[in-house]
Amino acid sequence: MFVLLRQLHSDRKTAGIARPARRLSLAVRHVDAGSCNACEHELGATANLFYDLSRHGITITASPRHADVLLITGAITSRMVIPLLSAYQAMPEPRLVAALGDCAMGLGVLGDHRDLAGPLEHLLPVDVRIPGCPPTPEQILDALASSGLAGRATTLR
């Protein structure tokens, strides 16, 4: 294991991937509110060895009770409004929300408009917007790491 970690460290230096200057932690709870899964695919790519979300102190958590940020993807369907609000209410203060992708921001064309609840900002206060259809892993990582969410989550607790 030590040999693999040393090789990973060497590969990061060779590729020019620097460590972030400030180490803060950020727990993210992801909720798919009705998407085509393109944003989920790109979000999953941020956890691979190249982008390494955890290197920036960002982790994906399974429970909203342990989350600093609620990350929503997809067009908000009418059937997901109550589960989405329940996840938001289960989060500890401060409750931070990020909209990932154009559909979550109400810009997408996914689904019949009668089945959609509208943009996320009509339901919850959105702190970070990550535009794109789908946004690239670099955009997702940059938005989460440099948006100041980690600092806000740490200082407000």
C-alpha atoms as a PDB file:
ATOM      1  CA  MET A   1       0.000   0.000   0.000  1.00  0.00           C
ATOM      2  CA  PHE A   2       2.835   2.374   0.858  1.00  0.00           C
ATOM      3  CA  VAL A   3       4.412   1.751  -2.563  1.00  0.00           C
ATOM      4  CA  LEU A   4       1.119   2.602  -4.304  1.00  0.00           C
ATOM      5  CA  LEU A   5       0.684   5.805  -2.298  1.00  0.00           C
ATOM      6  CA  ARG A   6       4.265   6.851  -3.020  1.00  0.00           C
ATOM      7  CA  GLN A   7       3.705   6.180  -6.754  1.00  0.00           C
ATOM      8  CA  LEU A   8       0.442   8.206  -6.672  1.00  0.00           C
ATOM      9  CA  HIS A   9       2.295  11.093  -5.000  1.00  0.00           C
ATOM     10  CA  SER A  10       5.010  10.899  -7.657  1.00  0.00           C
ATOM     11  CA  ASP A  11       2.434  10.800 -10.484  1.00  0.00           C
ATOM     12  CA  ARG A  12       0.664  13.875  -9.066  1.00  0.00           C
ATOM     13  CA  LYS A  13       3.946  15.784  -9.003  1.00  0.00           C
ATOM     14  CA  THR A  14       4.719  14.723 -12.577  1.00  0.00           C
ATOM     15  CA  ALA A  15       1.253  15.778 -13.764  1.00  0.00           C
ATOM     16  CA  GLY A  16       1.589  19.116 -11.979  1.00  0.00           C
ATOM     17  CA  ILE A  17      -1.371  18.532  -9.663  1.00  0.00           C
ATOM     18  CA  ALA A  18      -0.751  20.648  -6.582  1.00  0.00           C
ATOM     19  CA  ARG A  19      -2.345  20.255  -3.197  1.00  0.00           C
ATOM     20  CA  PRO A  20      -4.853  22.909  -2.204  1.00  0.00           C
ATOM     21  CA  ALA A  21      -3.408  25.675  -0.042  1.00  0.00           C
ATOM     22  CA  ARG A  22      -6.034  25.370   2.683  1.00  0.00           C
ATOM     23  CA  ARG A  23      -7.390  22.079   3.970  1.00  0.00           C
ATOM     24  CA  LEU A  24     -11.062  22.295   4.916  1.00  0.00           C
ATOM     25  CA  SER A  25     -13.588  19.517   4.896  1.00  0.00           C
ATOM     26  CA  LEU A  26     -16.933  19.572   3.164  1.00  0.00           C
ATOM     27  CA  ALA A  27     -19.507  16.769   3.284  1.00  0.00           C
ATOM     28  CA  VAL A  28     -21.845  16.706   0.283  1.00  0.00           C
ATOM     29  CA  ARG A  29     -25.193  14.901   0.067  1.00  0.00           C
ATOM     30  CA  HIS A  30     -26.237  14.362  -3.533  1.00  0.00           C
ATOM     31  CA  VAL A  31     -29.934  14.155  -4.493  1.00  0.00           C
ATOM     32  CA  ASP A  32     -31.061  13.288  -8.019  1.00  0.00           C
ATOM     33  CA  ALA A  33     -34.390  15.082  -8.393  1.00  0.00           C
ATOM     34  CA  GLY A  34     -35.184  13.744 -11.871  1.00  0.00           C
ATOM     35  CA  SER A  35     -32.240  13.878 -14.249  1.00  0.00           C
ATOM     36  CA  CYS A  36     -30.957  12.104 -17.349  1.00  0.00           C
ATOM     37  CA  ASN A  37     -27.885  10.939 -15.307  1.00  0.00           C
ATOM     38  CA  ALA A  38     -25.340  12.956 -17.302  1.00  0.00           C
ATOM     39  CA  CYS A  39     -24.618  15.194 -14.294  1.00  0.00           C
ATOM     40  CA  GLU A  40     -24.327  12.133 -12.038  1.00  0.00           C
ATOM     41  CA  HIS A  41     -21.814  10.613 -14.423  1.00  0.00           C
ATOM     42  CA  GLU A  42     -19.669  13.768 -14.314  1.00  0.00           C
ATOM     43  CA  LEU A  43     -20.052  14.027 -10.531  1.00  0.00           C
ATOM     44  CA  GLY A  44     -18.869  10.431 -10.243  1.00  0.00           C
ATOM     45  CA  ALA A  45     -15.845  11.286 -12.369  1.00  0.00           C
ATOM     46  CA  THR A  46     -14.746  13.857  -9.784  1.00  0.00           C
ATOM     47  CA  ALA A  47     -14.032  10.999  -7.370  1.00  0.00           C
ATOM     48  CA  ASN A  48     -11.600   9.191  -9.688  1.00  0.00           C
ATOM     49  CA  LEU A  49      -7.824   9.362  -9.213  1.00  0.00           C
ATOM     50  CA  PHE A  50      -7.313  12.157 -11.726  1.00  0.00           C
ATOM     51  CA  TYR A  51      -9.672  14.720 -10.149  1.00  0.00           C
ATOM     52  CA  ASP A  52      -9.640  13.218  -6.612  1.00  0.00           C
ATOM     53  CA  LEU A  53     -12.407  15.101  -4.848  1.00  0.00           C
ATOM     54  CA  SER A  54     -11.147  13.928  -1.458  1.00  0.00           C
ATOM     55  CA  ARG A  55      -7.796  15.652  -2.059  1.00  0.00           C
ATOM     56  CA  HIS A  56      -9.669  18.927  -1.604  1.00  0.00           C
ATOM     57  CA  GLY A  57     -11.339  17.717   1.588  1.00  0.00           C
ATOM     58  CA  ILE A  58     -14.685  17.085  -0.129  1.00  0.00           C
ATOM     59  CA  THR A  59     -16.541  13.840   0.521  1.00  0.00           C
ATOM     60  CA  ILE A  60     -19.894  12.463  -0.577  1.00  0.00           C
ATOM     61  CA  THR A  61     -22.006  11.374   2.379  1.00  0.00           C
ATOM     62  CA  ALA A  62     -24.958   8.985   2.396  1.00  0.00           C
ATOM     63  CA  SER A  63     -27.046  10.884   4.928  1.00  0.00           C
ATOM     64  CA  PRO A  64     -28.276  14.473   4.915  1.00  0.00           C
ATOM     65  CA  ARG A  65     -27.765  14.459   8.694  1.00  0.00           C
ATOM     66  CA  HIS A  66     -24.001  14.417   8.094  1.00  0.00           C
ATOM     67  CA  ALA A  67     -23.950  16.852   5.163  1.00  0.00           C
ATOM     68  CA  ASP A  68     -22.762  20.428   4.874  1.00  0.00           C
ATOM     69  CA  VAL A  69     -24.074  20.853   1.317  1.00  0.00           C
ATOM     70  CA  LEU A  70     -27.132  19.461  -0.429  1.00  0.00           C
ATOM     71  CA  LEU A  71     -26.156  19.001  -4.104  1.00  0.00           C
ATOM     72  CA  ILE A  72     -29.183  18.707  -6.408  1.00  0.00           C
ATOM     73  CA  THR A  73     -29.087  17.426  -9.981  1.00  0.00           C
ATOM     74  CA  GLY A  74     -31.855  17.170 -12.535  1.00  0.00           C
ATOM     75  CA  ALA A  75     -35.123  18.903 -13.237  1.00  0.00           C
ATOM     76  CA  ILE A  76     -37.109  19.011  -9.995  1.00  0.00           C
ATOM     77  CA  THR A  77     -40.061  16.696 -10.576  1.00  0.00           C
ATOM     78  CA  SER A  78     -43.291  17.155  -8.650  1.00  0.00           C
ATOM     79  CA  ARG A  79     -42.810  13.745  -7.021  1.00  0.00           C
ATOM     80  CA  MET A  80     -39.377  14.717  -5.668  1.00  0.00           C
ATOM     81  CA  VAL A  81     -40.410  17.957  -3.959  1.00  0.00           C
ATOM     82  CA  ILE A  82     -41.325  16.366  -0.601  1.00  0.00           C
ATOM     83  CA  PRO A  83     -38.249  14.062  -0.432  1.00  0.00           C
ATOM     84  CA  LEU A  84     -36.042  17.003  -1.396  1.00  0.00           C
ATOM     85  CA  LEU A  85     -37.505  19.234   1.313  1.00  0.00           C
ATOM     86  CA  SER A  86     -37.209  16.365   3.816  1.00  0.00           C
ATOM     87  CA  ALA A  87     -33.517  15.957   3.011  1.00  0.00           C
ATOM     88  CA  TYR A  88     -33.014  19.708   3.415  1.00  0.00           C
ATOM     89  CA  GLN A  89     -34.802  19.742   6.791  1.00  0.00           C
ATOM     90  CA  ALA A  90     -32.707  16.794   8.022  1.00  0.00           C
ATOM     91  CA  MET A  91     -29.459  18.709   7.458  1.00  0.00           C
ATOM     92  CA  PRO A  92     -27.775  20.471  10.380  1.00  0.00           C
ATOM     93  CA  GLU A  93     -27.392  24.247  10.313  1.00  0.00           C
ATOM     94  CA  PRO A  94     -25.995  25.934   8.292  1.00  0.00           C
ATOM     95  CA  ARG A  95     -27.864  24.378   5.392  1.00  0.00           C
ATOM     96  CA  LEU A  96     -26.063  25.030   2.140  1.00  0.00           C
ATOM     97  CA  VAL A  97     -27.488  24.130  -1.288  1.00  0.00           C
ATOM     98  CA  ALA A  98     -25.784  23.694  -4.662  1.00  0.00           C
ATOM     99  CA  ALA A  99     -27.604  23.350  -7.998  1.00  0.00           C
ATOM    100  CA  LEU A 100     -25.630  21.136 -10.398  1.00  0.00           C
ATOM    101  CA  GLY A 101     -26.457  21.396 -14.090  1.00  0.00           C
ATOM    102  CA  ASP A 102     -28.848  23.428 -16.184  1.00  0.00           C
ATOM    103  CA  CYS A 103     -31.885  21.306 -15.318  1.00  0.00           C
ATOM    104  CA  ALA A 104     -31.621  21.999 -11.578  1.00  0.00           C
ATOM    105  CA  MET A 105     -31.460  25.702 -12.372  1.00  0.00           C
ATOM    106  CA  GLY A 106     -34.619  25.468 -14.492  1.00  0.00           C
ATOM    107  CA  LEU A 107     -32.828  25.873 -17.833  1.00  0.00           C
ATOM    108  CA  GLY A 108     -33.257  22.320 -19.128  1.00  0.00           C
ATOM    109  CA  VAL A 109     -35.778  20.790 -21.462  1.00  0.00           C
ATOM    110  CA  LEU A 110     -36.051  17.467 -19.684  1.00  0.00           C
ATOM    111  CA  GLY A 111     -39.598  16.226 -19.114  1.00  0.00           C
ATOM    112  CA  ASP A 112     -43.115  17.593 -19.477  1.00  0.00           C
ATOM    113  CA  HIS A 113     -43.563  20.969 -17.776  1.00  0.00           C
ATOM    114  CA  ARG A 114     -46.700  19.729 -15.987  1.00  0.00           C
ATOM    115  CA  ASP A 115     -44.536  17.217 -14.118  1.00  0.00           C
ATOM    116  CA  LEU A 116     -41.866  19.729 -13.092  1.00  0.00           C
ATOM    117  CA  ALA A 117     -41.868  21.827  -9.926  1.00  0.00           C
ATOM    118  CA  GLY A 118     -39.717  24.560 -11.468  1.00  0.00           C
ATOM    119  CA  PRO A 119     -36.151  25.626 -10.756  1.00  0.00           C
ATOM    120  CA  LEU A 120     -34.524  24.660  -7.470  1.00  0.00           C
ATOM    121  CA  GLU A 121     -34.309  28.265  -6.301  1.00  0.00           C
ATOM    122  CA  HIS A 122     -38.126  28.387  -6.119  1.00  0.00           C
ATOM    123  CA  LEU A 123     -38.004  25.639  -3.459  1.00  0.00           C
ATOM    124  CA  LEU A 124     -34.733  26.160  -1.581  1.00  0.00           C
ATOM    125  CA  PRO A 125     -32.174  28.956  -1.195  1.00  0.00           C
ATOM    126  CA  VAL A 126     -29.359  28.144  -3.637  1.00  0.00           C
ATOM    127  CA  ASP A 127     -25.836  29.101  -2.535  1.00  0.00           C
ATOM    128  CA  VAL A 128     -23.852  27.778  -5.529  1.00  0.00           C
ATOM    129  CA  ARG A 129     -24.918  27.345  -9.145  1.00  0.00           C
ATOM    130  CA  ILE A 130     -22.862  25.046 -11.374  1.00  0.00           C
ATOM    131  CA  PRO A 131     -24.101  25.567 -14.954  1.00  0.00           C
ATOM    132  CA  GLY A 132     -23.635  23.171 -17.836  1.00  0.00           C
ATOM    133  CA  CYS A 133     -25.349  20.297 -19.578  1.00  0.00           C
ATOM    134  CA  PRO A 134     -23.552  18.496 -18.058  1.00  0.00           C
ATOM    135  CA  PRO A 135     -20.835  20.489 -16.340  1.00  0.00           C
ATOM    136  CA  THR A 136     -17.361  18.981 -16.608  1.00  0.00           C
ATOM    137  CA  PRO A 137     -15.673  17.398 -13.578  1.00  0.00           C
ATOM    138  CA  GLU A 138     -13.292  20.392 -13.515  1.00  0.00           C
ATOM    139  CA  GLN A 139     -16.219  22.817 -13.284  1.00  0.00           C
ATOM    140  CA  ILE A 140     -17.842  20.786 -10.502  1.00  0.00           C
ATOM    141  CA  LEU A 141     -14.624  20.509  -8.524  1.00  0.00           C
ATOM    142  CA  ASP A 142     -13.763  24.194  -8.995  1.00  0.00           C
ATOM    143  CA  ALA A 143     -17.233  25.303  -7.916  1.00  0.00           C
ATOM    144  CA  LEU A 144     -17.243  23.157  -4.785  1.00  0.00           C
ATOM    145  CA  ALA A 145     -13.622  23.759  -3.809  1.00  0.00           C
ATOM    146  CA  SER A 146     -13.360  27.469  -4.562  1.00  0.00           C
ATOM    147  CA  SER A 147     -16.879  28.650  -3.772  1.00  0.00           C
ATOM    148  CA  GLY A 148     -16.112  29.170  -0.110  1.00  0.00           C
ATOM    149  CA  LEU A 149     -18.683  26.584   0.954  1.00  0.00           C
ATOM    150  CA  ALA A 150     -16.117  24.696   3.017  1.00  0.00           C
ATOM    151  CA  GLY A 151     -15.164  27.851   4.860  1.00  0.00           C
ATOM    152  CA  ARG A 152     -18.796  28.792   5.458  1.00  0.00           C
ATOM    153  CA  ALA A 153     -19.688  25.318   6.689  1.00  0.00           C
ATOM    154  CA  THR A 154     -16.698  25.250   9.044  1.00  0.00           C
ATOM    155  CA  THR A 155     -17.058  28.755  10.464  1.00  0.00           C
ATOM    156  CA  LEU A 156     -20.815  28.643  10.950  1.00  0.00           C
ATOM    157  CA  ARG A 157     -20.837  25.425  12.980  1.00  0.00           C
END
